Amino acid sequence: MIQHNYGVIINVSSGAGKVGFEDISAYCASKFGMIGLTESLAREVANYNIRAMTICPGEVATKMQEDIDAQYYELNKHKMLHPRRVAQKIADMIFNDKEYPNGIAVDLPS
C-alpha cells in the first residue's frame, strides 16, 4: 500500500468495543484495543494516502453467535444483523471516502 501510495484498511471491532459488558471483559478489551490500534494506524499511514477505519457491528447472525448460546440465538436472530449487511457496509466504507474519513469507527447497530 505504501509503495502504491493508496489503500484502505478495515478492522472489525464490535459494539463491545465501545461499551463494556459483564462476563465478556476479555472480548471487550480486545475490541476496545482494535479501535485504538486503528486510530493510531490511521495517523501512521495518512501521509501515504491510506485510510484505516474500524467497523463496530452489533449482534450478527453467525454460527459463532449461535454456538455461544443457541437458545438466545433462536429467540433473537430475527433482530440480528445479517452478515451480508456488514459486508455491504464495509464495501461502502472502502469506496465512499468522503463519508468515511481516515481513523473513524463506524457503528452498525443490530
PDB file of N, CA and C in Angstrom:
ATOM      1  N   MET A   1       0.826  -1.191   0.000  1.00  0.00           N
ATOM      2  CA  MET A   1       0.000   0.000   0.000  1.00  0.00           C
ATOM      3  C   MET A   1       0.874   1.259   0.000  1.00  0.00           C
ATOM      4  N   ILE A   2       1.919   1.233   0.801  1.00  0.00           N
ATOM      5  CA  ILE A   2       2.808   2.393   0.852  1.00  0.00           C
ATOM      6  C   ILE A   2       3.474   2.583  -0.506  1.00  0.00           C
ATOM      7  N   GLN A   3       3.905   1.505  -1.152  1.00  0.00           N
ATOM      8  CA  GLN A   3       4.536   1.605  -2.466  1.00  0.00           C
ATOM      9  C   GLN A   3       3.588   2.181  -3.513  1.00  0.00           C
ATOM     10  N   HIS A   4       2.309   1.867  -3.384  1.00  0.00           N
ATOM     11  CA  HIS A   4       1.311   2.364  -4.342  1.00  0.00           C
ATOM     12  C   HIS A   4       0.703   3.697  -3.917  1.00  0.00           C
ATOM     13  N   ASN A   5       1.072   4.152  -2.721  1.00  0.00           N
ATOM     14  CA  ASN A   5       0.547   5.412  -2.179  1.00  0.00           C
ATOM     15  C   ASN A   5      -0.988   5.432  -2.175  1.00  0.00           C
ATOM     16  N   TYR A   6      -1.573   4.311  -1.835  1.00  0.00           N
ATOM     17  CA  TYR A   6      -3.032   4.230  -1.743  1.00  0.00           C
ATOM     18  C   TYR A   6      -3.418   2.936  -1.042  1.00  0.00           C
ATOM     19  N   GLY A   7      -4.478   3.000  -0.263  1.00  0.00           N
ATOM     20  CA  GLY A   7      -5.019   1.797   0.334  1.00  0.00           C
ATOM     21  C   GLY A   7      -6.100   2.093   1.349  1.00  0.00           C
ATOM     22  N   VAL A   8      -6.820   1.050   1.697  1.00  0.00           N
ATOM     23  CA  VAL A   8      -7.870   1.131   2.708  1.00  0.00           C
ATOM     24  C   VAL A   8      -7.746  -0.095   3.599  1.00  0.00           C
ATOM     25  N   ILE A   9      -7.735   0.139   4.901  1.00  0.00           N
ATOM     26  CA  ILE A   9      -7.678  -0.937   5.889  1.00  0.00           C
ATOM     27  C   ILE A   9      -8.951  -0.852   6.719  1.00  0.00           C
ATOM     28  N   ILE A  10      -9.690  -1.942   6.781  1.00  0.00           N
ATOM     29  CA  ILE A  10     -10.901  -2.001   7.606  1.00  0.00           C
ATOM     30  C   ILE A  10     -10.676  -3.055   8.682  1.00  0.00           C
ATOM     31  N   ASN A  11     -10.691  -2.645   9.928  1.00  0.00           N
ATOM     32  CA  ASN A  11     -10.618  -3.569  11.053  1.00  0.00           C
ATOM     33  C   ASN A  11     -12.022  -3.774  11.605  1.00  0.00           C
ATOM     34  N   VAL A  12     -12.285  -4.970  12.089  1.00  0.00           N
ATOM     35  CA  VAL A  12     -13.604  -5.278  12.637  1.00  0.00           C
ATOM     36  C   VAL A  12     -13.504  -5.319  14.157  1.00  0.00           C
ATOM     37  N   SER A  13     -14.255  -4.447  14.789  1.00  0.00           N
ATOM     38  CA  SER A  13     -14.357  -4.422  16.240  1.00  0.00           C
ATOM     39  C   SER A  13     -15.748  -4.932  16.585  1.00  0.00           C
ATOM     40  N   SER A  14     -16.473  -4.207  17.408  1.00  0.00           N
ATOM     41  CA  SER A  14     -17.781  -4.656  17.870  1.00  0.00           C
ATOM     42  C   SER A  14     -18.425  -3.526  18.664  1.00  0.00           C
ATOM     43  N   GLY A  15     -19.714  -3.624  18.867  1.00  0.00           N
ATOM     44  CA  GLY A  15     -20.353  -2.720  19.813  1.00  0.00           C
ATOM     45  C   GLY A  15     -19.727  -2.867  21.184  1.00  0.00           C
ATOM     46  N   ALA A  16     -19.178  -4.050  21.453  1.00  0.00           N
ATOM     47  CA  ALA A  16     -18.499  -4.319  22.724  1.00  0.00           C
ATOM     48  C   ALA A  16     -17.131  -3.657  22.773  1.00  0.00           C
ATOM     49  N   GLY A  17     -16.736  -2.993  21.709  1.00  0.00           N
ATOM     50  CA  GLY A  17     -15.518  -2.206  21.704  1.00  0.00           C
ATOM     51  C   GLY A  17     -15.755  -0.768  22.101  1.00  0.00           C
ATOM     52  N   LYS A  18     -17.018  -0.449  22.332  1.00  0.00           N
ATOM     53  CA  LYS A  18     -17.389   0.912  22.722  1.00  0.00           C
ATOM     54  C   LYS A  18     -18.060   0.960  24.077  1.00  0.00           C
ATOM     55  N   VAL A  19     -18.643  -0.166  24.476  1.00  0.00           N
ATOM     56  CA  VAL A  19     -19.333  -0.270  25.768  1.00  0.00           C
ATOM     57  C   VAL A  19     -18.965  -1.617  26.371  1.00  0.00           C
ATOM     58  N   GLY A  20     -18.549  -1.631  27.606  1.00  0.00           N
ATOM     59  CA  GLY A  20     -18.202  -2.895  28.257  1.00  0.00           C
ATOM     60  C   GLY A  20     -19.434  -3.686  28.657  1.00  0.00           C
ATOM     61  N   PHE A  21     -19.302  -5.008  28.629  1.00  0.00           N
ATOM     62  CA  PHE A  21     -20.385  -5.908  29.034  1.00  0.00           C
ATOM     63  C   PHE A  21     -19.851  -6.899  30.058  1.00  0.00           C
ATOM     64  N   GLU A  22     -20.680  -7.252  31.012  1.00  0.00           N
ATOM     65  CA  GLU A  22     -20.257  -8.226  32.017  1.00  0.00           C
ATOM     66  C   GLU A  22     -20.063  -9.589  31.377  1.00  0.00           C
ATOM     67  N   ASP A  23     -19.185 -10.350  31.967  1.00  0.00           N
ATOM     68  CA  ASP A  23     -18.890 -11.730  31.585  1.00  0.00           C
ATOM     69  C   ASP A  23     -18.123 -11.890  30.263  1.00  0.00           C
ATOM     70  N   ILE A  24     -17.814 -10.800  29.590  1.00  0.00           N
ATOM     71  CA  ILE A  24     -17.002 -10.894  28.366  1.00  0.00           C
ATOM     72  C   ILE A  24     -15.930  -9.796  28.372  1.00  0.00           C
ATOM     73  N   SER A  25     -15.334  -9.591  29.527  1.00  0.00           N
ATOM     74  CA  SER A  25     -14.368  -8.494  29.669  1.00  0.00           C
ATOM     75  C   SER A  25     -13.165  -8.649  28.746  1.00  0.00           C
ATOM     76  N   ALA A  26     -12.651  -9.856  28.569  1.00  0.00           N
ATOM     77  CA  ALA A  26     -11.501 -10.041  27.679  1.00  0.00           C
ATOM     78  C   ALA A  26     -11.883  -9.715  26.236  1.00  0.00           C
ATOM     79  N   TYR A  27     -13.069 -10.134  25.828  1.00  0.00           N
ATOM     80  CA  TYR A  27     -13.560  -9.829  24.481  1.00  0.00           C
ATOM     81  C   TYR A  27     -13.683  -8.319  24.309  1.00  0.00           C
ATOM     82  N   CYS A  28     -14.296  -7.657  25.283  1.00  0.00           N
ATOM     83  CA  CYS A  28     -14.445  -6.197  25.216  1.00  0.00           C
ATOM     84  C   CYS A  28     -13.086  -5.513  25.132  1.00  0.00           C
ATOM     85  N   ALA A  29     -12.139  -5.958  25.935  1.00  0.00           N
ATOM     86  CA  ALA A  29     -10.807  -5.353  25.933  1.00  0.00           C
ATOM     87  C   ALA A  29     -10.164  -5.484  24.556  1.00  0.00           C
ATOM     88  N   SER A  30     -10.304  -6.637  23.925  1.00  0.00           N
ATOM     89  CA  SER A  30      -9.703  -6.815  22.604  1.00  0.00           C
ATOM     90  C   SER A  30     -10.370  -5.913  21.569  1.00  0.00           C
ATOM     91  N   LYS A  31     -11.667  -5.716  21.692  1.00  0.00           N
ATOM     92  CA  LYS A  31     -12.384  -4.884  20.729  1.00  0.00           C
ATOM     93  C   LYS A  31     -12.111  -3.397  20.964  1.00  0.00           C
ATOM     94  N   PHE A  32     -11.987  -2.982  22.227  1.00  0.00           N
ATOM     95  CA  PHE A  32     -11.559  -1.614  22.520  1.00  0.00           C
ATOM     96  C   PHE A  32     -10.162  -1.396  21.939  1.00  0.00           C
ATOM     97  N   GLY A  33      -9.296  -2.396  22.113  1.00  0.00           N
ATOM     98  CA  GLY A  33      -7.933  -2.320  21.603  1.00  0.00           C
ATOM     99  C   GLY A  33      -7.884  -2.184  20.089  1.00  0.00           C
ATOM    100  N   MET A  34      -8.788  -2.852  19.395  1.00  0.00           N
ATOM    101  CA  MET A  34      -8.835  -2.759  17.935  1.00  0.00           C
ATOM    102  C   MET A  34      -9.127  -1.327  17.495  1.00  0.00           C
ATOM    103  N   ILE A  35     -10.007  -0.657  18.211  1.00  0.00           N
ATOM    104  CA  ILE A  35     -10.314   0.735  17.869  1.00  0.00           C
ATOM    105  C   ILE A  35      -9.087   1.612  18.093  1.00  0.00           C
ATOM    106  N   GLY A  36      -8.396   1.423  19.205  1.00  0.00           N
ATOM    107  CA  GLY A  36      -7.182   2.191  19.478  1.00  0.00           C
ATOM    108  C   GLY A  36      -6.096   1.920  18.452  1.00  0.00           C
ATOM    109  N   LEU A  37      -5.928   0.660  18.080  1.00  0.00           N
ATOM    110  CA  LEU A  37      -4.959   0.301  17.056  1.00  0.00           C
ATOM    111  C   LEU A  37      -5.280   1.007  15.740  1.00  0.00           C
ATOM    112  N   THR A  38      -6.535   0.987  15.372  1.00  0.00           N
ATOM    113  CA  THR A  38      -6.951   1.615  14.119  1.00  0.00           C
ATOM    114  C   THR A  38      -6.705   3.118  14.147  1.00  0.00           C
ATOM    115  N   GLU A  39      -7.041   3.773  15.250  1.00  0.00           N
ATOM    116  CA  GLU A  39      -6.827   5.220  15.344  1.00  0.00           C
ATOM    117  C   GLU A  39      -5.341   5.555  15.221  1.00  0.00           C
ATOM    118  N   SER A  40      -4.486   4.767  15.854  1.00  0.00           N
ATOM    119  CA  SER A  40      -3.039   5.004  15.765  1.00  0.00           C
ATOM    120  C   SER A  40      -2.533   4.716  14.356  1.00  0.00           C
ATOM    121  N   LEU A  41      -2.948   3.595  13.788  1.00  0.00           N
ATOM    122  CA  LEU A  41      -2.536   3.234  12.443  1.00  0.00           C
ATOM    123  C   LEU A  41      -2.968   4.290  11.430  1.00  0.00           C
ATOM    124  N   ALA A  42      -4.168   4.812  11.589  1.00  0.00           N
ATOM    125  CA  ALA A  42      -4.669   5.840  10.668  1.00  0.00           C
ATOM    126  C   ALA A  42      -3.727   7.031  10.607  1.00  0.00           C
ATOM    127  N   ARG A  43      -3.198   7.422  11.739  1.00  0.00           N
ATOM    128  CA  ARG A  43      -2.254   8.538  11.770  1.00  0.00           C
ATOM    129  C   ARG A  43      -0.916   8.153  11.146  1.00  0.00           C
ATOM    130  N   GLU A  44      -0.497   6.926  11.354  1.00  0.00           N
ATOM    131  CA  GLU A  44       0.788   6.475  10.824  1.00  0.00           C
ATOM    132  C   GLU A  44       0.813   6.401   9.303  1.00  0.00           C
ATOM    133  N   VAL A  45      -0.316   6.074   8.686  1.00  0.00           N
ATOM    134  CA  VAL A  45      -0.338   5.868   7.234  1.00  0.00           C
ATOM    135  C   VAL A  45      -1.007   6.996   6.453  1.00  0.00           C
ATOM    136  N   ALA A  46      -1.479   7.998   7.133  1.00  0.00           N
ATOM    137  CA  ALA A  46      -2.206   9.087   6.464  1.00  0.00           C
ATOM    138  C   ALA A  46      -1.383   9.759   5.365  1.00  0.00           C
ATOM    139  N   ASN A  47      -0.103   9.931   5.575  1.00  0.00           N
ATOM    140  CA  ASN A  47       0.742  10.590   4.564  1.00  0.00           C
ATOM    141  C   ASN A  47       0.943   9.748   3.310  1.00  0.00           C
ATOM    142  N   TYR A  48       0.518   8.501   3.349  1.00  0.00           N
ATOM    143  CA  TYR A  48       0.643   7.606   2.202  1.00  0.00           C
ATOM    144  C   TYR A  48      -0.692   7.414   1.484  1.00  0.00           C
ATOM    145  N   ASN A  49      -1.652   8.274   1.775  1.00  0.00           N
ATOM    146  CA  ASN A  49      -2.979   8.198   1.159  1.00  0.00           C
ATOM    147  C   ASN A  49      -3.657   6.856   1.468  1.00  0.00           C
ATOM    148  N   ILE A  50      -3.433   6.385   2.681  1.00  0.00           N
ATOM    149  CA  ILE A  50      -4.047   5.132   3.152  1.00  0.00           C
ATOM    150  C   ILE A  50      -4.999   5.490   4.286  1.00  0.00           C
ATOM    151  N   ARG A  51      -6.205   4.960   4.201  1.00  0.00           N
ATOM    152  CA  ARG A  51      -7.181   5.162   5.272  1.00  0.00           C
ATOM    153  C   ARG A  51      -7.300   3.880   6.075  1.00  0.00           C
ATOM    154  N   ALA A  52      -7.395   4.011   7.393  1.00  0.00           N
ATOM    155  CA  ALA A  52      -7.641   2.885   8.289  1.00  0.00           C
ATOM    156  C   ALA A  52      -8.895   3.213   9.104  1.00  0.00           C
ATOM    157  N   MET A  53      -9.836   2.304   9.114  1.00  0.00           N
ATOM    158  CA  MET A  53     -11.104   2.525   9.811  1.00  0.00           C
ATOM    159  C   MET A  53     -11.508   1.244  10.540  1.00  0.00           C
ATOM    160  N   THR A  54     -12.429   1.391  11.446  1.00  0.00           N
ATOM    161  CA  THR A  54     -12.971   0.252  12.181  1.00  0.00           C
ATOM    162  C   THR A  54     -14.478   0.229  11.999  1.00  0.00           C
ATOM    163  N   ILE A  55     -15.039  -0.952  11.853  1.00  0.00           N
ATOM    164  CA  ILE A  55     -16.484  -1.116  11.870  1.00  0.00           C
ATOM    165  C   ILE A  55     -16.847  -1.807  13.182  1.00  0.00           C
ATOM    166  N   CYS A  56     -17.914  -1.323  13.803  1.00  0.00           N
ATOM    167  CA  CYS A  56     -18.370  -1.851  15.098  1.00  0.00           C
ATOM    168  C   CYS A  56     -19.806  -2.349  14.970  1.00  0.00           C
ATOM    169  N   PRO A  57     -19.972  -3.561  14.430  1.00  0.00           N
ATOM    170  CA  PRO A  57     -21.334  -4.072  14.299  1.00  0.00           C
ATOM    171  C   PRO A  57     -21.905  -4.526  15.632  1.00  0.00           C
ATOM    172  N   GLY A  58     -23.216  -4.471  15.700  1.00  0.00           N
ATOM    173  CA  GLY A  58     -23.918  -5.060  16.837  1.00  0.00           C
ATOM    174  C   GLY A  58     -23.963  -6.571  16.646  1.00  0.00           C
ATOM    175  N   GLU A  59     -24.961  -7.206  17.179  1.00  0.00           N
ATOM    176  CA  GLU A  59     -25.052  -8.666  17.074  1.00  0.00           C
ATOM    177  C   GLU A  59     -25.288  -9.076  15.617  1.00  0.00           C
ATOM    178  N   VAL A  60     -24.489 -10.026  15.169  1.00  0.00           N
ATOM    179  CA  VAL A  60     -24.585 -10.523  13.803  1.00  0.00           C
ATOM    180  C   VAL A  60     -25.009 -11.988  13.858  1.00  0.00           C
ATOM    181  N   ALA A  61     -25.948 -12.350  13.020  1.00  0.00           N
ATOM    182  CA  ALA A  61     -26.474 -13.719  12.977  1.00  0.00           C
ATOM    183  C   ALA A  61     -25.450 -14.632  12.314  1.00  0.00           C
ATOM    184  N   THR A  62     -24.529 -15.147  13.114  1.00  0.00           N
ATOM    185  CA  THR A  62     -23.476 -16.034  12.620  1.00  0.00           C
ATOM    186  C   THR A  62     -23.466 -17.332  13.409  1.00  0.00           C
ATOM    187  N   LYS A  63     -22.740 -18.288  12.903  1.00  0.00           N
ATOM    188  CA  LYS A  63     -22.576 -19.566  13.600  1.00  0.00           C
ATOM    189  C   LYS A  63     -21.904 -19.351  14.955  1.00  0.00           C
ATOM    190  N   MET A  64     -20.940 -18.423  15.010  1.00  0.00           N
ATOM    191  CA  MET A  64     -20.283 -18.126  16.284  1.00  0.00           C
ATOM    192  C   MET A  64     -21.310 -17.658  17.323  1.00  0.00           C
ATOM    193  N   GLN A  65     -22.199 -16.782  16.909  1.00  0.00           N
ATOM    194  CA  GLN A  65     -23.234 -16.274  17.820  1.00  0.00           C
ATOM    195  C   GLN A  65     -24.142 -17.422  18.274  1.00  0.00           C
ATOM    196  N   GLU A  66     -24.493 -18.293  17.349  1.00  0.00           N
ATOM    197  CA  GLU A  66     -25.341 -19.434  17.679  1.00  0.00           C
ATOM    198  C   GLU A  66     -24.631 -20.387  18.642  1.00  0.00           C
ATOM    199  N   ASP A  67     -23.338 -20.599  18.431  1.00  0.00           N
ATOM    200  CA  ASP A  67     -22.574 -21.512  19.283  1.00  0.00           C
ATOM    201  C   ASP A  67     -22.425 -20.987  20.707  1.00  0.00           C
ATOM    202  N   ILE A  68     -22.424 -19.677  20.881  1.00  0.00           N
ATOM    203  CA  ILE A  68     -22.294 -19.090  22.213  1.00  0.00           C
ATOM    204  C   ILE A  68     -23.512 -19.416  23.069  1.00  0.00           C
ATOM    205  N   ASP A  69     -24.701 -19.249  22.472  1.00  0.00           N
ATOM    206  CA  ASP A  69     -25.937 -19.510  23.217  1.00  0.00           C
ATOM    207  C   ASP A  69     -27.043 -19.793  22.204  1.00  0.00           C
ATOM    208  N   ALA A  70     -27.257 -21.059  21.906  1.00  0.00           N
ATOM    209  CA  ALA A  70     -28.211 -21.462  20.865  1.00  0.00           C
ATOM    210  C   ALA A  70     -29.631 -20.992  21.160  1.00  0.00           C
ATOM    211  N   GLN A  71     -30.033 -21.049  22.414  1.00  0.00           N
ATOM    212  CA  GLN A  71     -31.393 -20.630  22.765  1.00  0.00           C
ATOM    213  C   GLN A  71     -31.562 -19.126  22.536  1.00  0.00           C
ATOM    214  N   TYR A  72     -30.620 -18.330  22.996  1.00  0.00           N
ATOM    215  CA  TYR A  72     -30.658 -16.878  22.785  1.00  0.00           C
ATOM    216  C   TYR A  72     -30.676 -16.574  21.289  1.00  0.00           C
ATOM    217  N   TYR A  73     -29.832 -17.280  20.556  1.00  0.00           N
ATOM    218  CA  TYR A  73     -29.744 -17.065  19.112  1.00  0.00           C
ATOM    219  C   TYR A  73     -31.106 -17.303  18.450  1.00  0.00           C
ATOM    220  N   GLU A  74     -31.733 -18.412  18.762  1.00  0.00           N
ATOM    221  CA  GLU A  74     -33.031 -18.742  18.152  1.00  0.00           C
ATOM    222  C   GLU A  74     -34.090 -17.684  18.469  1.00  0.00           C
ATOM    223  N   LEU A  75     -34.077 -17.186  19.691  1.00  0.00           N
ATOM    224  CA  LEU A  75     -35.061 -16.180  20.091  1.00  0.00           C
ATOM    225  C   LEU A  75     -34.800 -14.807  19.477  1.00  0.00           C
ATOM    226  N   ASN A  76     -33.547 -14.514  19.143  1.00  0.00           N
ATOM    227  CA  ASN A  76     -33.188 -13.144  18.746  1.00  0.00           C
ATOM    228  C   ASN A  76     -32.590 -12.991  17.352  1.00  0.00           C
ATOM    229  N   LYS A  77     -32.419 -14.076  16.621  1.00  0.00           N
ATOM    230  CA  LYS A  77     -31.738 -13.978  15.327  1.00  0.00           C
ATOM    231  C   LYS A  77     -32.459 -13.046  14.355  1.00  0.00           C
ATOM    232  N   HIS A  78     -33.755 -12.903  14.481  1.00  0.00           N
ATOM    233  CA  HIS A  78     -34.502 -12.012  13.594  1.00  0.00           C
ATOM    234  C   HIS A  78     -34.156 -10.536  13.838  1.00  0.00           C
ATOM    235  N   LYS A  79     -33.584 -10.217  15.004  1.00  0.00           N
ATOM    236  CA  LYS A  79     -33.187  -8.848  15.331  1.00  0.00           C
ATOM    237  C   LYS A  79     -31.711  -8.582  15.023  1.00  0.00           C
ATOM    238  N   MET A  80     -30.975  -9.638  14.724  1.00  0.00           N
ATOM    239  CA  MET A  80     -29.540  -9.504  14.495  1.00  0.00           C
ATOM    240  C   MET A  80     -29.247  -9.063  13.063  1.00  0.00           C
ATOM    241  N   LEU A  81     -28.077  -8.476  12.889  1.00  0.00           N
ATOM    242  CA  LEU A  81     -27.627  -8.106  11.554  1.00  0.00           C
ATOM    243  C   LEU A  81     -27.344  -9.347  10.735  1.00  0.00           C
ATOM    244  N   HIS A  82     -27.628  -9.283   9.470  1.00  0.00           N
ATOM    245  CA  HIS A  82     -27.245 -10.355   8.558  1.00  0.00           C
ATOM    246  C   HIS A  82     -25.803 -10.090   8.131  1.00  0.00           C
ATOM    247  N   PRO A  83     -24.982 -11.116   8.044  1.00  0.00           N
ATOM    248  CA  PRO A  83     -23.589 -10.905   7.636  1.00  0.00           C
ATOM    249  C   PRO A  83     -23.450 -10.103   6.343  1.00  0.00           C
ATOM    250  N   ARG A  84     -24.373 -10.275   5.423  1.00  0.00           N
ATOM    251  CA  ARG A  84     -24.325  -9.526   4.157  1.00  0.00           C
ATOM    252  C   ARG A  84     -24.407  -8.016   4.404  1.00  0.00           C
ATOM    253  N   ARG A  85     -25.199  -7.616   5.381  1.00  0.00           N
ATOM    254  CA  ARG A  85     -25.324  -6.184   5.710  1.00  0.00           C
ATOM    255  C   ARG A  85     -23.987  -5.626   6.187  1.00  0.00           C
ATOM    256  N   VAL A  86     -23.277  -6.400   6.981  1.00  0.00           N
ATOM    257  CA  VAL A  86     -21.959  -5.979   7.458  1.00  0.00           C
ATOM    258  C   VAL A  86     -21.003  -5.851   6.271  1.00  0.00           C
ATOM    259  N   ALA A  87     -21.030  -6.830   5.375  1.00  0.00           N
ATOM    260  CA  ALA A  87     -20.165  -6.788   4.193  1.00  0.00           C
ATOM    261  C   ALA A  87     -20.487  -5.591   3.312  1.00  0.00           C
ATOM    262  N   GLN A  88     -21.767  -5.277   3.154  1.00  0.00           N
ATOM    263  CA  GLN A  88     -22.158  -4.116   2.353  1.00  0.00           C
ATOM    264  C   GLN A  88     -21.643  -2.822   2.973  1.00  0.00           C
ATOM    265  N   LYS A  89     -21.712  -2.724   4.279  1.00  0.00           N
ATOM    266  CA  LYS A  89     -21.231  -1.530   4.965  1.00  0.00           C
ATOM    267  C   LYS A  89     -19.716  -1.391   4.801  1.00  0.00           C
ATOM    268  N   ILE A  90     -19.006  -2.502   4.899  1.00  0.00           N
ATOM    269  CA  ILE A  90     -17.561  -2.472   4.706  1.00  0.00           C
ATOM    270  C   ILE A  90     -17.231  -1.995   3.287  1.00  0.00           C
ATOM    271  N   ALA A  91     -17.941  -2.510   2.290  1.00  0.00           N
ATOM    272  CA  ALA A  91     -17.713  -2.069   0.906  1.00  0.00           C
ATOM    273  C   ALA A  91     -17.976  -0.574   0.768  1.00  0.00           C
ATOM    274  N   ASP A  92     -19.028  -0.094   1.396  1.00  0.00           N
ATOM    275  CA  ASP A  92     -19.336   1.343   1.355  1.00  0.00           C
ATOM    276  C   ASP A  92     -18.209   2.150   2.002  1.00  0.00           C
ATOM    277  N   MET A  93     -17.686   1.658   3.103  1.00  0.00           N
ATOM    278  CA  MET A  93     -16.574   2.346   3.770  1.00  0.00           C
ATOM    279  C   MET A  93     -15.343   2.422   2.870  1.00  0.00           C
ATOM    280  N   ILE A  94     -15.105   1.386   2.114  1.00  0.00           N
ATOM    281  CA  ILE A  94     -13.943   1.350   1.228  1.00  0.00           C
ATOM    282  C   ILE A  94     -14.094   2.353   0.091  1.00  0.00           C
ATOM    283  N   PHE A  95     -15.251   2.375  -0.537  1.00  0.00           N
ATOM    284  CA  PHE A  95     -15.415   3.146  -1.764  1.00  0.00           C
ATOM    285  C   PHE A  95     -15.983   4.546  -1.578  1.00  0.00           C
ATOM    286  N   ASN A  96     -16.478   4.867  -0.406  1.00  0.00           N
ATOM    287  CA  ASN A  96     -17.081   6.181  -0.165  1.00  0.00           C
ATOM    288  C   ASN A  96     -16.181   6.984   0.773  1.00  0.00           C
ATOM    289  N   ASP A  97     -15.034   7.397   0.272  1.00  0.00           N
ATOM    290  CA  ASP A  97     -14.046   8.041   1.141  1.00  0.00           C
ATOM    291  C   ASP A  97     -14.477   9.402   1.660  1.00  0.00           C
ATOM    292  N   LYS A  98     -15.443  10.029   1.033  1.00  0.00           N
ATOM    293  CA  LYS A  98     -15.924  11.334   1.524  1.00  0.00           C
ATOM    294  C   LYS A  98     -16.725  11.174   2.818  1.00  0.00           C
ATOM    295  N   GLU A  99     -17.463  10.074   2.916  1.00  0.00           N
ATOM    296  CA  GLU A  99     -18.319   9.845   4.088  1.00  0.00           C
ATOM    297  C   GLU A  99     -17.584   9.163   5.239  1.00  0.00           C
ATOM    298  N   TYR A 100     -16.504   8.462   4.919  1.00  0.00           N
ATOM    299  CA  TYR A 100     -15.787   7.690   5.928  1.00  0.00           C
ATOM    300  C   TYR A 100     -14.324   8.126   5.964  1.00  0.00           C
ATOM    301  N   PRO A 101     -14.025   9.136   6.757  1.00  0.00           N
ATOM    302  CA  PRO A 101     -12.646   9.639   6.803  1.00  0.00           C
ATOM    303  C   PRO A 101     -11.708   8.699   7.558  1.00  0.00           C
ATOM    304  N   ASN A 102     -10.452   8.923   7.352  1.00  0.00           N
ATOM    305  CA  ASN A 102      -9.398   8.148   7.988  1.00  0.00           C
ATOM    306  C   ASN A 102      -9.547   8.165   9.509  1.00  0.00           C
ATOM    307  N   GLY A 103      -9.442   6.989  10.129  1.00  0.00           N
ATOM    308  CA  GLY A 103      -9.441   6.883  11.579  1.00  0.00           C
ATOM    309  C   GLY A 103     -10.800   6.708  12.229  1.00  0.00           C
ATOM    310  N   ILE A 104     -11.865   6.735  11.458  1.00  0.00           N
ATOM    311  CA  ILE A 104     -13.205   6.688  12.031  1.00  0.00           C
ATOM    312  C   ILE A 104     -13.575   5.269  12.484  1.00  0.00           C
ATOM    313  N   ALA A 105     -14.406   5.195  13.509  1.00  0.00           N
ATOM    314  CA  ALA A 105     -15.017   3.933  13.953  1.00  0.00           C
ATOM    315  C   ALA A 105     -16.495   4.050  13.619  1.00  0.00           C
ATOM    316  N   VAL A 106     -16.979   3.174  12.756  1.00  0.00           N
ATOM    317  CA  VAL A 106     -18.353   3.234  12.256  1.00  0.00           C
ATOM    318  C   VAL A 106     -19.224   2.245  13.019  1.00  0.00           C
ATOM    319  N   ASP A 107     -20.263   2.746  13.649  1.00  0.00           N
ATOM    320  CA  ASP A 107     -21.225   1.892  14.347  1.00  0.00           C
ATOM    321  C   ASP A 107     -22.209   1.311  13.351  1.00  0.00           C
ATOM    322  N   LEU A 108     -22.559   0.065  13.529  1.00  0.00           N
ATOM    323  CA  LEU A 108     -23.575  -0.597  12.727  1.00  0.00           C
ATOM    324  C   LEU A 108     -24.451  -1.385  13.696  1.00  0.00           C
ATOM    325  N   PRO A 109     -25.447  -0.696  14.278  1.00  0.00           N
ATOM    326  CA  PRO A 109     -26.259  -1.344  15.309  1.00  0.00           C
ATOM    327  C   PRO A 109     -27.141  -2.457  14.740  1.00  0.00           C
ATOM    328  N   SER A 110     -27.502  -3.405  15.613  1.00  0.00           N
ATOM    329  CA  SER A 110     -28.388  -4.505  15.225  1.00  0.00           C
ATOM    330  C   SER A 110     -29.767  -3.957  14.978  1.00  0.00           C
TER     331      SER A 110
END
